[in-house]
Amino acid sequence: MSDRATAFDRMMNPWAYDADGNLTAQARAQEAARTQINSTSASGGGGGGGGGGFNADPNALTTAGNNSDQIHVRLNTDGRGADEATAKVSTALANWSTGKAAAGAAGTWDQCVAALGGTIGQTTQALRATATNYRQNESAVQHDLGA
């Protein structure tokens, strides 16, 4: 098991673990992409002074964008998993404060899921666009230098 394999993480991300509690191949690949991005920023990147160089890996950015897209898709399905049951409760208990509270909670939840989905969608597009920009710029620099 990796350091990530805490009880809380297994509870929140059951898709990432097999029956023995080990990370699945897909989860390990996502973990590797996350580590690459974190390692880049920790190694003095960012363009500031101090002598550290900057290194961007467009493949890691693309992988992160793909992972972000998968999260976005799952959010839109799994994030709405309780809608039908909540609607039944709010309809069955419509004359009770519990029914009204369930309907209000469902509305608030849907707004939160939509807002989070928008943010994740923007992040996905930004990661992909950044990877494309790095590739294009690297190609242009190589061309200009005659490499």
C-alpha atoms as a PDB file:
ATOM      1  CA  MET A   1       0.000   0.000   0.000  1.00  0.00           C
ATOM      2  CA  SER A   2       1.110   3.541  -0.618  1.00  0.00           C
ATOM      3  CA  ASP A   3       1.226   6.380   1.885  1.00  0.00           C
ATOM      4  CA  ARG A   4      -2.077   7.446   0.401  1.00  0.00           C
ATOM      5  CA  ALA A   5      -3.833   4.297   1.642  1.00  0.00           C
ATOM      6  CA  THR A   6      -5.418   5.676   4.769  1.00  0.00           C
ATOM      7  CA  ALA A   7      -8.792   4.458   5.983  1.00  0.00           C
ATOM      8  CA  PHE A   8     -10.297   7.822   5.100  1.00  0.00           C
ATOM      9  CA  ASP A   9      -8.925   7.743   1.567  1.00  0.00           C
ATOM     10  CA  ARG A  10     -10.191   4.185   1.043  1.00  0.00           C
ATOM     11  CA  MET A  11     -13.626   5.308   2.238  1.00  0.00           C
ATOM     12  CA  MET A  12     -13.679   8.433   0.021  1.00  0.00           C
ATOM     13  CA  ASN A  13     -12.108   6.789  -3.047  1.00  0.00           C
ATOM     14  CA  PRO A  14     -13.168   3.129  -3.045  1.00  0.00           C
ATOM     15  CA  TRP A  15     -12.651   2.988  -6.835  1.00  0.00           C
ATOM     16  CA  ALA A  16      -8.919   3.481  -6.293  1.00  0.00           C
ATOM     17  CA  TYR A  17      -8.413   0.271  -4.274  1.00  0.00           C
ATOM     18  CA  ASP A  18      -8.687  -3.413  -5.053  1.00  0.00           C
ATOM     19  CA  ALA A  19     -10.187  -6.045  -2.731  1.00  0.00           C
ATOM     20  CA  ASP A  20      -6.865  -6.349  -0.839  1.00  0.00           C
ATOM     21  CA  GLY A  21      -6.713  -2.598  -0.139  1.00  0.00           C
ATOM     22  CA  ASN A  22      -3.947  -1.898  -2.675  1.00  0.00           C
ATOM     23  CA  LEU A  23      -4.077   0.933  -5.174  1.00  0.00           C
ATOM     24  CA  THR A  24      -5.349  -0.125  -8.595  1.00  0.00           C
ATOM     25  CA  ALA A  25      -3.159   0.373 -11.670  1.00  0.00           C
ATOM     26  CA  GLN A  26      -5.220   3.418 -12.674  1.00  0.00           C
ATOM     27  CA  ALA A  27      -4.865   4.976  -9.214  1.00  0.00           C
ATOM     28  CA  ARG A  28      -1.093   4.333  -9.239  1.00  0.00           C
ATOM     29  CA  ALA A  29      -0.821   6.085 -12.627  1.00  0.00           C
ATOM     30  CA  GLN A  30      -2.770   9.060 -11.278  1.00  0.00           C
ATOM     31  CA  GLU A  31      -0.563   9.119  -8.196  1.00  0.00           C
ATOM     32  CA  ALA A  32       2.545   9.122 -10.418  1.00  0.00           C
ATOM     33  CA  ALA A  33       1.203  12.069 -12.441  1.00  0.00           C
ATOM     34  CA  ARG A  34       0.406  13.973  -9.243  1.00  0.00           C
ATOM     35  CA  THR A  35       3.902  13.246  -7.909  1.00  0.00           C
ATOM     36  CA  GLN A  36       5.501  14.507 -11.141  1.00  0.00           C
ATOM     37  CA  ILE A  37       3.602  17.785 -10.937  1.00  0.00           C
ATOM     38  CA  ASN A  38       4.367  18.215  -7.230  1.00  0.00           C
ATOM     39  CA  SER A  39       8.050  17.381  -7.787  1.00  0.00           C
ATOM     40  CA  THR A  40       8.319  19.987 -10.520  1.00  0.00           C
ATOM     41  CA  SER A  41       6.990  22.735  -8.283  1.00  0.00           C
ATOM     42  CA  ALA A  42       9.083  21.653  -5.318  1.00  0.00           C
ATOM     43  CA  SER A  43      12.341  21.658  -7.271  1.00  0.00           C
ATOM     44  CA  GLY A  44      12.617  25.404  -7.617  1.00  0.00           C
ATOM     45  CA  GLY A  45      10.332  25.842 -10.600  1.00  0.00           C
ATOM     46  CA  GLY A  46       8.031  28.758 -11.036  1.00  0.00           C
ATOM     47  CA  GLY A  47      10.348  31.177 -12.748  1.00  0.00           C
ATOM     48  CA  GLY A  48      11.358  33.121  -9.651  1.00  0.00           C
ATOM     49  CA  GLY A  49      14.927  34.048  -8.814  1.00  0.00           C
ATOM     50  CA  GLY A  50      17.163  31.921  -6.704  1.00  0.00           C
ATOM     51  CA  GLY A  51      19.011  29.942  -9.351  1.00  0.00           C
ATOM     52  CA  GLY A  52      16.485  27.135  -9.764  1.00  0.00           C
ATOM     53  CA  GLY A  53      15.500  26.278 -13.298  1.00  0.00           C
ATOM     54  CA  PHE A  54      12.042  25.724 -14.632  1.00  0.00           C
ATOM     55  CA  ASN A  55      10.997  22.445 -16.124  1.00  0.00           C
ATOM     56  CA  ALA A  56       7.532  21.692 -17.472  1.00  0.00           C
ATOM     57  CA  ASP A  57       6.464  18.238 -18.569  1.00  0.00           C
ATOM     58  CA  PRO A  58       3.611  18.574 -21.080  1.00  0.00           C
ATOM     59  CA  ASN A  59       2.919  14.838 -20.806  1.00  0.00           C
ATOM     60  CA  ALA A  60       2.395  15.177 -17.048  1.00  0.00           C
ATOM     61  CA  LEU A  61       0.107  18.149 -17.680  1.00  0.00           C
ATOM     62  CA  THR A  62      -1.867  16.139 -20.233  1.00  0.00           C
ATOM     63  CA  THR A  63      -2.128  13.224 -17.805  1.00  0.00           C
ATOM     64  CA  ALA A  64      -3.313  15.578 -15.067  1.00  0.00           C
ATOM     65  CA  GLY A  65      -5.866  17.046 -17.485  1.00  0.00           C
ATOM     66  CA  ASN A  66      -7.132  13.561 -18.340  1.00  0.00           C
ATOM     67  CA  ASN A  67      -7.365  12.690 -14.639  1.00  0.00           C
ATOM     68  CA  SER A  68      -9.224  15.931 -14.000  1.00  0.00           C
ATOM     69  CA  ASP A  69     -11.627  15.073 -16.808  1.00  0.00           C
ATOM     70  CA  GLN A  70     -12.290  11.651 -15.264  1.00  0.00           C
ATOM     71  CA  ILE A  71     -13.056  13.323 -11.937  1.00  0.00           C
ATOM     72  CA  HIS A  72     -15.395  15.728 -13.746  1.00  0.00           C
ATOM     73  CA  VAL A  73     -17.290  12.851 -15.388  1.00  0.00           C
ATOM     74  CA  ARG A  74     -17.575  10.959 -12.100  1.00  0.00           C
ATOM     75  CA  LEU A  75     -18.729  14.077 -10.271  1.00  0.00           C
ATOM     76  CA  ASN A  76     -21.582  14.532 -12.723  1.00  0.00           C
ATOM     77  CA  THR A  77     -22.741  10.947 -12.186  1.00  0.00           C
ATOM     78  CA  ASP A  78     -21.740  10.014  -8.643  1.00  0.00           C
ATOM     79  CA  GLY A  79     -22.417  13.509  -7.315  1.00  0.00           C
ATOM     80  CA  ARG A  80     -26.065  13.119  -8.221  1.00  0.00           C
ATOM     81  CA  GLY A  81     -26.464   9.624  -6.800  1.00  0.00           C
ATOM     82  CA  ALA A  82     -28.786  10.657  -3.992  1.00  0.00           C
ATOM     83  CA  ASP A  83     -31.114  12.842  -6.095  1.00  0.00           C
ATOM     84  CA  GLU A  84     -33.801  10.208  -6.664  1.00  0.00           C
ATOM     85  CA  ALA A  85     -33.888   9.043  -3.046  1.00  0.00           C
ATOM     86  CA  THR A  86     -33.926  12.615  -1.747  1.00  0.00           C
ATOM     87  CA  ALA A  87     -36.785  13.490  -4.101  1.00  0.00           C
ATOM     88  CA  LYS A  88     -38.785  10.526  -2.755  1.00  0.00           C
ATOM     89  CA  VAL A  89     -38.166  11.651   0.831  1.00  0.00           C
ATOM     90  CA  SER A  90     -39.081  15.258   0.144  1.00  0.00           C
ATOM     91  CA  THR A  91     -42.262  14.197  -1.703  1.00  0.00           C
ATOM     92  CA  ALA A  92     -43.304  11.633   0.898  1.00  0.00           C
ATOM     93  CA  LEU A  93     -42.717  14.083   3.746  1.00  0.00           C
ATOM     94  CA  ALA A  94     -43.814  17.228   1.896  1.00  0.00           C
ATOM     95  CA  ASN A  95     -46.008  18.409   4.781  1.00  0.00           C
ATOM     96  CA  TRP A  96     -43.247  17.923   7.323  1.00  0.00           C
ATOM     97  CA  SER A  97     -40.261  20.129   7.970  1.00  0.00           C
ATOM     98  CA  THR A  98     -38.037  17.118   7.229  1.00  0.00           C
ATOM     99  CA  GLY A  99     -39.374  16.908   3.669  1.00  0.00           C
ATOM    100  CA  LYS A 100     -38.855  20.611   3.094  1.00  0.00           C
ATOM    101  CA  ALA A 101     -35.351  20.410   4.556  1.00  0.00           C
ATOM    102  CA  ALA A 102     -34.519  17.436   2.314  1.00  0.00           C
ATOM    103  CA  ALA A 103     -35.676  19.380  -0.753  1.00  0.00           C
ATOM    104  CA  GLY A 104     -33.624  22.407   0.308  1.00  0.00           C
ATOM    105  CA  ALA A 105     -30.559  20.280   0.985  1.00  0.00           C
ATOM    106  CA  ALA A 106     -30.898  18.610  -2.421  1.00  0.00           C
ATOM    107  CA  GLY A 107     -31.083  21.997  -4.130  1.00  0.00           C
ATOM    108  CA  THR A 108     -28.029  23.265  -2.284  1.00  0.00           C
ATOM    109  CA  TRP A 109     -26.149  20.050  -3.037  1.00  0.00           C
ATOM    110  CA  ASP A 110     -26.952  20.316  -6.752  1.00  0.00           C
ATOM    111  CA  GLN A 111     -25.695  23.917  -6.797  1.00  0.00           C
ATOM    112  CA  CYS A 112     -22.456  22.866  -5.096  1.00  0.00           C
ATOM    113  CA  VAL A 113     -21.943  19.944  -7.499  1.00  0.00           C
ATOM    114  CA  ALA A 114     -22.568  22.265 -10.467  1.00  0.00           C
ATOM    115  CA  ALA A 115     -20.108  24.870  -9.152  1.00  0.00           C
ATOM    116  CA  LEU A 116     -17.441  22.258  -8.435  1.00  0.00           C
ATOM    117  CA  GLY A 117     -18.035  20.711 -11.845  1.00  0.00           C
ATOM    118  CA  GLY A 118     -17.496  24.092 -13.475  1.00  0.00           C
ATOM    119  CA  THR A 119     -14.239  24.594 -11.612  1.00  0.00           C
ATOM    120  CA  ILE A 120     -12.978  21.112 -12.455  1.00  0.00           C
ATOM    121  CA  GLY A 121     -13.956  21.604 -16.092  1.00  0.00           C
ATOM    122  CA  GLN A 122     -12.009  24.870 -16.229  1.00  0.00           C
ATOM    123  CA  THR A 123      -9.021  23.200 -14.588  1.00  0.00           C
ATOM    124  CA  THR A 124      -9.138  20.370 -17.131  1.00  0.00           C
ATOM    125  CA  GLN A 125      -9.160  22.809 -20.034  1.00  0.00           C
ATOM    126  CA  ALA A 126      -6.376  24.916 -18.504  1.00  0.00           C
ATOM    127  CA  LEU A 127      -4.127  21.882 -18.008  1.00  0.00           C
ATOM    128  CA  ARG A 128      -4.664  20.718 -21.581  1.00  0.00           C
ATOM    129  CA  ALA A 129      -4.166  24.201 -23.018  1.00  0.00           C
ATOM    130  CA  THR A 130      -0.990  24.680 -21.000  1.00  0.00           C
ATOM    131  CA  ALA A 131       0.403  21.345 -22.223  1.00  0.00           C
ATOM    132  CA  THR A 132      -0.394  22.337 -25.821  1.00  0.00           C
ATOM    133  CA  ASN A 133       1.202  25.759 -25.350  1.00  0.00           C
ATOM    134  CA  TYR A 134       4.407  24.241 -23.941  1.00  0.00           C
ATOM    135  CA  ARG A 135       4.627  21.833 -26.868  1.00  0.00           C
ATOM    136  CA  GLN A 136       4.057  24.599 -29.421  1.00  0.00           C
ATOM    137  CA  ASN A 137       6.548  26.950 -27.764  1.00  0.00           C
ATOM    138  CA  GLU A 138       9.185  24.239 -27.459  1.00  0.00           C
ATOM    139  CA  SER A 139       8.751  23.406 -31.135  1.00  0.00           C
ATOM    140  CA  ALA A 140       9.025  27.084 -32.103  1.00  0.00           C
ATOM    141  CA  VAL A 141      12.177  27.555 -30.003  1.00  0.00           C
ATOM    142  CA  GLN A 142      13.786  24.467 -31.533  1.00  0.00           C
ATOM    143  CA  HIS A 143      12.868  25.706 -34.995  1.00  0.00           C
ATOM    144  CA  ASP A 144      14.235  29.183 -34.320  1.00  0.00           C
ATOM    145  CA  LEU A 145      17.492  27.770 -32.954  1.00  0.00           C
ATOM    146  CA  GLY A 146      17.805  25.464 -35.948  1.00  0.00           C
ATOM    147  CA  ALA A 147      17.825  22.380 -33.775  1.00  0.00           C
END
